[in-house]
Amino acid sequence: MDSVAKPRVKEVLPEAAWDVLEGDPGAVLVDVRTRSEWAFVGVPDLSALHHPLLQVEWAQLPNMSQNPRFVGEVLEQLGDHIPHTFLFLCRSGVRSEAGALAVQAHLAGMGQDAECINILGGFEGDLDENGHRGSKNGWKVAGLPWRQS
């Protein structure tokens, strides 16, 4: 058994993530899903909060290989401003945790103190008893704002 603890980031449910965004005007939401997911499944709609939505693929189709430029692309979209709080979202909460850890490690290496938070359940949530997403948990099931193209 491996006794070395894996690095962790804070995790919150989608409703708590919305509360963070509502209470912190500098917080940023990073959606790490694929372009196809953004286009066909939908994206969070943060227009009521006047927050940016960063869209940076953690893994890329067709073989879902890790995007080697992930952290660089996140930082490019931010420009000169590094927020104190990042929230990360994917389909179910797995890729977003990896993305949060990568950004947290990179910023720590730069001497930047930022909180990276993974959104549990992601955008679509876990599979239900019928093998379907979108009915058990996640951003959409929580009734949080979202839109499709």
N, C-alpha and C. Protein backbone atom coordinates (compact mmCIF):
# COMPACT_ATOMS: atom_id res chain seq x y z
N MET A 1 0.84 -1.18 0.00
CA MET A 1 0.00 0.00 0.00
C MET A 1 0.88 1.24 0.00
N ASP A 2 0.52 2.21 -0.79
CA ASP A 2 1.26 3.46 -0.89
C ASP A 2 0.86 4.38 0.25
N SER A 3 1.84 4.74 1.08
CA SER A 3 1.53 5.57 2.24
C SER A 3 1.73 7.06 1.96
N VAL A 4 2.16 7.40 0.74
CA VAL A 4 2.35 8.80 0.39
C VAL A 4 0.99 9.40 0.00
N ALA A 5 0.60 10.45 0.71
CA ALA A 5 -0.69 11.09 0.43
C ALA A 5 -0.59 11.88 -0.87
N LYS A 6 -1.60 11.75 -1.69
CA LYS A 6 -1.66 12.49 -2.94
C LYS A 6 -2.04 13.94 -2.63
N PRO A 7 -1.44 14.91 -3.34
CA PRO A 7 -1.84 16.30 -3.11
C PRO A 7 -3.32 16.48 -3.36
N ARG A 8 -3.93 17.36 -2.63
CA ARG A 8 -5.38 17.56 -2.72
C ARG A 8 -5.69 19.04 -2.92
N VAL A 9 -6.86 19.26 -3.45
CA VAL A 9 -7.41 20.61 -3.51
C VAL A 9 -8.75 20.57 -2.78
N LYS A 10 -9.20 21.72 -2.38
CA LYS A 10 -10.51 21.82 -1.75
C LYS A 10 -11.58 21.39 -2.76
N GLU A 11 -12.65 20.78 -2.26
CA GLU A 11 -13.75 20.37 -3.13
C GLU A 11 -15.05 20.93 -2.57
N VAL A 12 -15.92 21.39 -3.49
CA VAL A 12 -17.22 21.93 -3.09
C VAL A 12 -18.29 21.42 -4.05
N LEU A 13 -19.52 21.40 -3.58
CA LEU A 13 -20.65 21.08 -4.44
C LEU A 13 -20.95 22.27 -5.35
N PRO A 14 -21.66 22.05 -6.45
CA PRO A 14 -21.94 23.15 -7.38
C PRO A 14 -22.61 24.36 -6.73
N GLU A 15 -23.55 24.13 -5.82
CA GLU A 15 -24.23 25.26 -5.17
C GLU A 15 -23.24 26.10 -4.36
N ALA A 16 -22.30 25.45 -3.70
CA ALA A 16 -21.27 26.17 -2.94
C ALA A 16 -20.32 26.91 -3.87
N ALA A 17 -20.05 26.32 -5.04
CA ALA A 17 -19.22 27.00 -6.04
C ALA A 17 -19.89 28.29 -6.50
N TRP A 18 -21.21 28.22 -6.73
CA TRP A 18 -21.96 29.42 -7.12
C TRP A 18 -21.86 30.47 -6.02
N ASP A 19 -21.98 30.04 -4.76
CA ASP A 19 -21.87 30.97 -3.63
C ASP A 19 -20.50 31.64 -3.59
N VAL A 20 -19.44 30.88 -3.89
CA VAL A 20 -18.09 31.46 -3.93
C VAL A 20 -18.04 32.52 -5.02
N LEU A 21 -18.55 32.19 -6.21
CA LEU A 21 -18.55 33.15 -7.32
C LEU A 21 -19.37 34.39 -6.98
N GLU A 22 -20.50 34.17 -6.32
CA GLU A 22 -21.36 35.29 -5.94
C GLU A 22 -20.69 36.20 -4.92
N GLY A 23 -19.94 35.61 -4.00
CA GLY A 23 -19.33 36.38 -2.92
C GLY A 23 -17.95 36.93 -3.21
N ASP A 24 -17.31 36.46 -4.27
CA ASP A 24 -15.95 36.89 -4.59
C ASP A 24 -15.89 37.37 -6.03
N PRO A 25 -15.96 38.68 -6.24
CA PRO A 25 -15.96 39.20 -7.61
C PRO A 25 -14.69 38.90 -8.40
N GLY A 26 -13.63 38.50 -7.72
CA GLY A 26 -12.38 38.19 -8.41
C GLY A 26 -12.22 36.72 -8.74
N ALA A 27 -13.12 35.86 -8.25
CA ALA A 27 -13.00 34.42 -8.50
C ALA A 27 -13.22 34.10 -9.97
N VAL A 28 -12.58 33.04 -10.43
CA VAL A 28 -12.66 32.64 -11.83
C VAL A 28 -13.07 31.17 -11.91
N LEU A 29 -13.99 30.87 -12.83
CA LEU A 29 -14.41 29.49 -13.10
C LEU A 29 -13.70 29.02 -14.37
N VAL A 30 -13.02 27.88 -14.26
CA VAL A 30 -12.32 27.28 -15.39
C VAL A 30 -13.02 25.98 -15.75
N ASP A 31 -13.61 25.93 -16.95
CA ASP A 31 -14.27 24.74 -17.45
C ASP A 31 -13.24 23.98 -18.27
N VAL A 32 -12.86 22.77 -17.81
CA VAL A 32 -11.76 22.03 -18.43
C VAL A 32 -12.24 20.94 -19.39
N ARG A 33 -13.52 20.94 -19.74
CA ARG A 33 -14.05 19.92 -20.64
C ARG A 33 -13.58 20.17 -22.08
N THR A 34 -14.02 19.34 -22.99
CA THR A 34 -13.60 19.47 -24.39
C THR A 34 -14.50 20.45 -25.14
N ARG A 35 -14.02 20.89 -26.27
CA ARG A 35 -14.80 21.79 -27.12
C ARG A 35 -16.15 21.16 -27.48
N SER A 36 -16.15 19.86 -27.73
CA SER A 36 -17.40 19.16 -28.06
C SER A 36 -18.38 19.23 -26.91
N GLU A 37 -17.90 19.05 -25.69
CA GLU A 37 -18.78 19.12 -24.52
C GLU A 37 -19.35 20.52 -24.37
N TRP A 38 -18.52 21.53 -24.56
CA TRP A 38 -19.02 22.91 -24.45
C TRP A 38 -20.12 23.15 -25.49
N ALA A 39 -19.86 22.69 -26.71
CA ALA A 39 -20.79 22.97 -27.80
C ALA A 39 -22.09 22.17 -27.70
N PHE A 40 -22.01 20.90 -27.33
CA PHE A 40 -23.19 20.04 -27.40
C PHE A 40 -23.89 19.81 -26.06
N VAL A 41 -23.16 19.91 -24.95
CA VAL A 41 -23.76 19.66 -23.64
C VAL A 41 -24.15 20.97 -22.95
N GLY A 42 -23.37 22.02 -23.18
CA GLY A 42 -23.65 23.33 -22.59
C GLY A 42 -22.51 23.79 -21.69
N VAL A 43 -22.64 25.03 -21.24
CA VAL A 43 -21.64 25.64 -20.36
C VAL A 43 -22.35 26.43 -19.26
N PRO A 44 -21.66 26.61 -18.13
CA PRO A 44 -22.23 27.47 -17.09
C PRO A 44 -22.45 28.88 -17.64
N ASP A 45 -23.52 29.51 -17.22
CA ASP A 45 -23.82 30.88 -17.62
C ASP A 45 -23.59 31.78 -16.41
N LEU A 46 -22.50 32.52 -16.44
CA LEU A 46 -22.12 33.38 -15.32
C LEU A 46 -22.46 34.84 -15.58
N SER A 47 -23.26 35.11 -16.60
CA SER A 47 -23.56 36.49 -16.98
C SER A 47 -24.21 37.28 -15.85
N ALA A 48 -25.04 36.65 -15.03
CA ALA A 48 -25.68 37.36 -13.92
C ALA A 48 -24.68 37.81 -12.87
N LEU A 49 -23.54 37.11 -12.81
CA LEU A 49 -22.52 37.44 -11.82
C LEU A 49 -21.40 38.31 -12.41
N HIS A 50 -21.42 38.50 -13.71
CA HIS A 50 -20.39 39.29 -14.42
C HIS A 50 -19.00 38.69 -14.20
N HIS A 51 -18.93 37.37 -14.19
CA HIS A 51 -17.66 36.66 -14.06
C HIS A 51 -17.26 36.10 -15.41
N PRO A 52 -15.96 36.02 -15.63
CA PRO A 52 -15.52 35.35 -16.86
C PRO A 52 -15.63 33.84 -16.70
N LEU A 53 -15.85 33.15 -17.79
CA LEU A 53 -15.77 31.69 -17.83
C LEU A 53 -14.57 31.36 -18.70
N LEU A 54 -13.55 30.77 -18.10
CA LEU A 54 -12.40 30.33 -18.88
C LEU A 54 -12.69 28.93 -19.38
N GLN A 55 -12.42 28.69 -20.64
CA GLN A 55 -12.61 27.38 -21.24
C GLN A 55 -11.27 26.90 -21.78
N VAL A 56 -10.70 25.91 -21.08
CA VAL A 56 -9.40 25.36 -21.46
C VAL A 56 -9.48 23.85 -21.32
N GLU A 57 -9.26 23.14 -22.41
CA GLU A 57 -9.35 21.68 -22.39
C GLU A 57 -8.22 21.07 -21.57
N TRP A 58 -8.58 20.22 -20.60
CA TRP A 58 -7.57 19.45 -19.87
C TRP A 58 -7.10 18.28 -20.74
N ALA A 59 -8.03 17.64 -21.40
CA ALA A 59 -7.73 16.52 -22.29
C ALA A 59 -8.36 16.81 -23.64
N GLN A 60 -7.68 16.36 -24.69
CA GLN A 60 -8.12 16.70 -26.03
C GLN A 60 -8.50 15.46 -26.83
N LEU A 61 -9.56 15.61 -27.62
CA LEU A 61 -10.00 14.54 -28.51
C LEU A 61 -9.02 14.43 -29.67
N PRO A 62 -8.88 13.29 -30.34
CA PRO A 62 -9.78 12.15 -30.26
C PRO A 62 -9.42 11.13 -29.17
N ASN A 63 -8.19 11.16 -28.66
CA ASN A 63 -7.77 10.12 -27.73
C ASN A 63 -7.74 10.58 -26.26
N MET A 64 -8.27 11.76 -26.00
CA MET A 64 -8.31 12.33 -24.65
C MET A 64 -6.92 12.41 -24.02
N SER A 65 -5.93 12.80 -24.83
CA SER A 65 -4.58 12.99 -24.32
C SER A 65 -4.53 14.32 -23.57
N GLN A 66 -3.73 14.35 -22.52
CA GLN A 66 -3.62 15.54 -21.69
C GLN A 66 -3.07 16.70 -22.52
N ASN A 67 -3.69 17.86 -22.37
CA ASN A 67 -3.25 19.08 -23.04
C ASN A 67 -1.96 19.55 -22.38
N PRO A 68 -0.82 19.48 -23.07
CA PRO A 68 0.45 19.87 -22.46
C PRO A 68 0.54 21.37 -22.17
N ARG A 69 -0.33 22.15 -22.78
CA ARG A 69 -0.31 23.60 -22.59
C ARG A 69 -1.42 24.09 -21.65
N PHE A 70 -2.03 23.17 -20.90
CA PHE A 70 -3.18 23.52 -20.07
C PHE A 70 -2.90 24.72 -19.17
N VAL A 71 -1.90 24.63 -18.33
CA VAL A 71 -1.62 25.71 -17.38
C VAL A 71 -1.30 27.00 -18.12
N GLY A 72 -0.49 26.91 -19.17
CA GLY A 72 -0.15 28.09 -19.95
C GLY A 72 -1.36 28.75 -20.57
N GLU A 73 -2.31 27.94 -21.05
CA GLU A 73 -3.52 28.49 -21.66
C GLU A 73 -4.42 29.15 -20.61
N VAL A 74 -4.49 28.58 -19.43
CA VAL A 74 -5.25 29.21 -18.34
C VAL A 74 -4.65 30.58 -18.04
N LEU A 75 -3.34 30.62 -17.87
CA LEU A 75 -2.68 31.88 -17.53
C LEU A 75 -2.80 32.90 -18.66
N GLU A 76 -2.73 32.45 -19.91
CA GLU A 76 -2.89 33.36 -21.05
C GLU A 76 -4.27 34.01 -21.03
N GLN A 77 -5.30 33.23 -20.73
CA GLN A 77 -6.66 33.80 -20.70
C GLN A 77 -6.83 34.80 -19.56
N LEU A 78 -6.04 34.67 -18.52
CA LEU A 78 -6.14 35.59 -17.37
C LEU A 78 -5.41 36.90 -17.62
N GLY A 79 -4.45 36.88 -18.52
CA GLY A 79 -3.66 38.09 -18.74
C GLY A 79 -2.74 38.33 -17.56
N ASP A 80 -2.70 39.58 -17.11
CA ASP A 80 -1.80 39.94 -16.01
C ASP A 80 -2.39 39.70 -14.63
N HIS A 81 -3.65 39.36 -14.56
CA HIS A 81 -4.31 39.22 -13.26
C HIS A 81 -4.42 37.75 -12.84
N ILE A 82 -3.81 37.40 -11.72
CA ILE A 82 -3.95 36.07 -11.15
C ILE A 82 -4.95 36.18 -10.00
N PRO A 83 -6.12 35.56 -10.13
CA PRO A 83 -7.12 35.67 -9.06
C PRO A 83 -6.69 34.90 -7.81
N HIS A 84 -7.30 35.23 -6.70
CA HIS A 84 -7.02 34.51 -5.46
C HIS A 84 -7.76 33.18 -5.43
N THR A 85 -8.89 33.09 -6.15
CA THR A 85 -9.70 31.88 -6.12
C THR A 85 -10.02 31.39 -7.52
N PHE A 86 -9.70 30.12 -7.77
CA PHE A 86 -10.04 29.43 -9.01
C PHE A 86 -11.01 28.30 -8.67
N LEU A 87 -12.05 28.15 -9.47
CA LEU A 87 -12.94 27.00 -9.38
C LEU A 87 -12.80 26.23 -10.68
N PHE A 88 -12.73 24.89 -10.60
CA PHE A 88 -12.52 24.05 -11.77
C PHE A 88 -13.70 23.11 -11.95
N LEU A 89 -14.16 22.97 -13.20
CA LEU A 89 -15.34 22.19 -13.53
C LEU A 89 -15.07 21.31 -14.74
N CYS A 90 -15.52 20.05 -14.67
CA CYS A 90 -15.51 19.17 -15.84
C CYS A 90 -16.85 18.45 -15.90
N ARG A 91 -16.91 17.30 -16.52
CA ARG A 91 -18.17 16.57 -16.63
C ARG A 91 -18.61 16.04 -15.28
N SER A 92 -17.68 15.41 -14.55
CA SER A 92 -18.07 14.75 -13.30
C SER A 92 -17.16 15.06 -12.11
N GLY A 93 -16.08 15.79 -12.32
CA GLY A 93 -15.21 16.18 -11.22
C GLY A 93 -13.84 15.53 -11.21
N VAL A 94 -13.52 14.73 -12.22
CA VAL A 94 -12.23 14.04 -12.25
C VAL A 94 -11.16 14.87 -12.98
N ARG A 95 -11.44 15.27 -14.21
CA ARG A 95 -10.48 16.09 -14.96
C ARG A 95 -10.27 17.43 -14.29
N SER A 96 -11.33 17.98 -13.71
CA SER A 96 -11.20 19.28 -13.05
C SER A 96 -10.30 19.20 -11.83
N GLU A 97 -10.31 18.08 -11.12
CA GLU A 97 -9.38 17.93 -9.99
C GLU A 97 -7.95 17.93 -10.49
N ALA A 98 -7.69 17.22 -11.58
CA ALA A 98 -6.34 17.19 -12.15
C ALA A 98 -5.91 18.58 -12.60
N GLY A 99 -6.82 19.30 -13.24
CA GLY A 99 -6.51 20.67 -13.67
C GLY A 99 -6.24 21.59 -12.50
N ALA A 100 -7.04 21.47 -11.45
CA ALA A 100 -6.85 22.29 -10.26
C ALA A 100 -5.49 22.02 -9.62
N LEU A 101 -5.13 20.75 -9.53
CA LEU A 101 -3.83 20.39 -8.96
C LEU A 101 -2.68 20.96 -9.79
N ALA A 102 -2.82 20.90 -11.12
CA ALA A 102 -1.77 21.40 -12.00
C ALA A 102 -1.59 22.91 -11.85
N VAL A 103 -2.69 23.64 -11.82
CA VAL A 103 -2.60 25.10 -11.67
C VAL A 103 -2.07 25.45 -10.28
N GLN A 104 -2.57 24.75 -9.26
CA GLN A 104 -2.11 25.02 -7.89
C GLN A 104 -0.60 24.80 -7.77
N ALA A 105 -0.09 23.71 -8.33
CA ALA A 105 1.34 23.41 -8.27
C ALA A 105 2.15 24.46 -9.03
N HIS A 106 1.67 24.85 -10.20
CA HIS A 106 2.38 25.84 -11.00
C HIS A 106 2.45 27.18 -10.27
N LEU A 107 1.33 27.63 -9.74
CA LEU A 107 1.31 28.91 -9.04
C LEU A 107 2.16 28.87 -7.78
N ALA A 108 2.12 27.76 -7.06
CA ALA A 108 2.96 27.62 -5.86
C ALA A 108 4.44 27.72 -6.24
N GLY A 109 4.80 27.10 -7.38
CA GLY A 109 6.17 27.17 -7.86
C GLY A 109 6.60 28.58 -8.24
N MET A 110 5.62 29.44 -8.57
CA MET A 110 5.90 30.84 -8.89
C MET A 110 5.83 31.73 -7.64
N GLY A 111 5.52 31.11 -6.48
CA GLY A 111 5.38 31.89 -5.26
C GLY A 111 4.05 32.61 -5.15
N GLN A 112 3.06 32.19 -5.97
CA GLN A 112 1.72 32.79 -5.95
C GLN A 112 0.82 31.98 -5.03
N ASP A 113 0.08 32.68 -4.20
CA ASP A 113 -0.86 32.02 -3.30
C ASP A 113 -2.26 32.15 -3.87
N ALA A 114 -2.81 31.04 -4.37
CA ALA A 114 -4.17 31.03 -4.91
C ALA A 114 -4.86 29.76 -4.45
N GLU A 115 -6.15 29.87 -4.20
CA GLU A 115 -6.94 28.70 -3.82
C GLU A 115 -7.55 28.08 -5.07
N CYS A 116 -7.28 26.81 -5.28
CA CYS A 116 -7.83 26.08 -6.41
C CYS A 116 -8.85 25.08 -5.87
N ILE A 117 -10.09 25.19 -6.36
CA ILE A 117 -11.20 24.41 -5.83
C ILE A 117 -11.82 23.57 -6.94
N ASN A 118 -12.02 22.28 -6.65
CA ASN A 118 -12.66 21.37 -7.59
C ASN A 118 -14.16 21.32 -7.29
N ILE A 119 -14.98 21.37 -8.35
CA ILE A 119 -16.43 21.30 -8.19
C ILE A 119 -16.87 19.84 -8.31
N LEU A 120 -17.32 19.28 -7.20
CA LEU A 120 -17.76 17.89 -7.15
C LEU A 120 -19.00 17.68 -8.03
N GLY A 121 -19.05 16.56 -8.69
CA GLY A 121 -20.20 16.25 -9.54
C GLY A 121 -20.11 16.88 -10.91
N GLY A 122 -19.23 17.87 -11.07
CA GLY A 122 -19.03 18.49 -12.37
C GLY A 122 -20.27 19.13 -12.95
N PHE A 123 -20.30 19.22 -14.27
CA PHE A 123 -21.39 19.87 -14.97
C PHE A 123 -22.57 18.93 -15.16
N GLU A 124 -22.29 17.67 -15.50
CA GLU A 124 -23.36 16.70 -15.79
C GLU A 124 -23.63 15.73 -14.65
N GLY A 125 -22.68 15.57 -13.75
CA GLY A 125 -22.87 14.66 -12.62
C GLY A 125 -22.49 13.23 -12.90
N ASP A 126 -22.65 12.42 -11.88
CA ASP A 126 -22.31 11.01 -11.94
C ASP A 126 -23.37 10.22 -12.71
N LEU A 127 -23.00 9.03 -13.11
CA LEU A 127 -23.95 8.13 -13.77
C LEU A 127 -25.03 7.68 -12.79
N ASP A 128 -26.27 7.62 -13.26
CA ASP A 128 -27.35 7.10 -12.42
C ASP A 128 -27.45 5.58 -12.62
N GLU A 129 -28.46 4.97 -12.02
CA GLU A 129 -28.63 3.51 -12.11
C GLU A 129 -28.88 3.02 -13.54
N ASN A 130 -29.26 3.91 -14.45
CA ASN A 130 -29.47 3.56 -15.85
C ASN A 130 -28.28 3.89 -16.74
N GLY A 131 -27.20 4.35 -16.12
CA GLY A 131 -26.01 4.69 -16.89
C GLY A 131 -26.09 6.03 -17.59
N HIS A 132 -26.96 6.93 -17.09
CA HIS A 132 -27.12 8.26 -17.69
C HIS A 132 -26.61 9.34 -16.75
N ARG A 133 -26.10 10.39 -17.33
CA ARG A 133 -25.69 11.57 -16.55
C ARG A 133 -26.80 12.61 -16.62
N GLY A 134 -26.75 13.56 -15.70
CA GLY A 134 -27.69 14.67 -15.76
C GLY A 134 -28.93 14.50 -14.92
N SER A 135 -28.96 13.47 -14.06
CA SER A 135 -30.14 13.30 -13.22
C SER A 135 -29.80 13.10 -11.75
N LYS A 136 -28.53 12.90 -11.44
CA LYS A 136 -28.13 12.53 -10.08
C LYS A 136 -27.53 13.71 -9.30
N ASN A 137 -26.59 14.39 -9.89
CA ASN A 137 -25.92 15.51 -9.23
C ASN A 137 -25.24 16.36 -10.31
N GLY A 138 -24.53 17.39 -9.89
CA GLY A 138 -23.81 18.25 -10.83
C GLY A 138 -24.47 19.61 -11.00
N TRP A 139 -23.80 20.46 -11.75
CA TRP A 139 -24.19 21.85 -11.98
C TRP A 139 -25.61 21.95 -12.53
N LYS A 140 -25.91 21.18 -13.58
CA LYS A 140 -27.22 21.26 -14.22
C LYS A 140 -28.33 20.78 -13.29
N VAL A 141 -28.11 19.67 -12.61
CA VAL A 141 -29.12 19.12 -11.70
C VAL A 141 -29.38 20.08 -10.53
N ALA A 142 -28.35 20.82 -10.14
CA ALA A 142 -28.51 21.79 -9.05
C ALA A 142 -29.36 22.99 -9.47
N GLY A 143 -29.68 23.08 -10.74
CA GLY A 143 -30.50 24.18 -11.24
C GLY A 143 -29.74 25.48 -11.39
N LEU A 144 -28.42 25.40 -11.49
CA LEU A 144 -27.61 26.60 -11.68
C LEU A 144 -27.67 27.03 -13.15
N PRO A 145 -27.47 28.32 -13.42
CA PRO A 145 -27.59 28.82 -14.79
C PRO A 145 -26.59 28.16 -15.75
N TRP A 146 -27.11 27.82 -16.93
CA TRP A 146 -26.28 27.27 -17.98
C TRP A 146 -26.95 27.55 -19.32
N ARG A 147 -26.16 27.39 -20.39
CA ARG A 147 -26.69 27.64 -21.72
C ARG A 147 -26.04 26.69 -22.71
N GLN A 148 -26.70 26.54 -23.85
CA GLN A 148 -26.15 25.75 -24.96
C GLN A 148 -26.01 26.65 -26.18
N SER A 149 -25.07 26.24 -27.05
CA SER A 149 -24.89 27.03 -28.28
C SER A 149 -25.81 26.53 -29.37
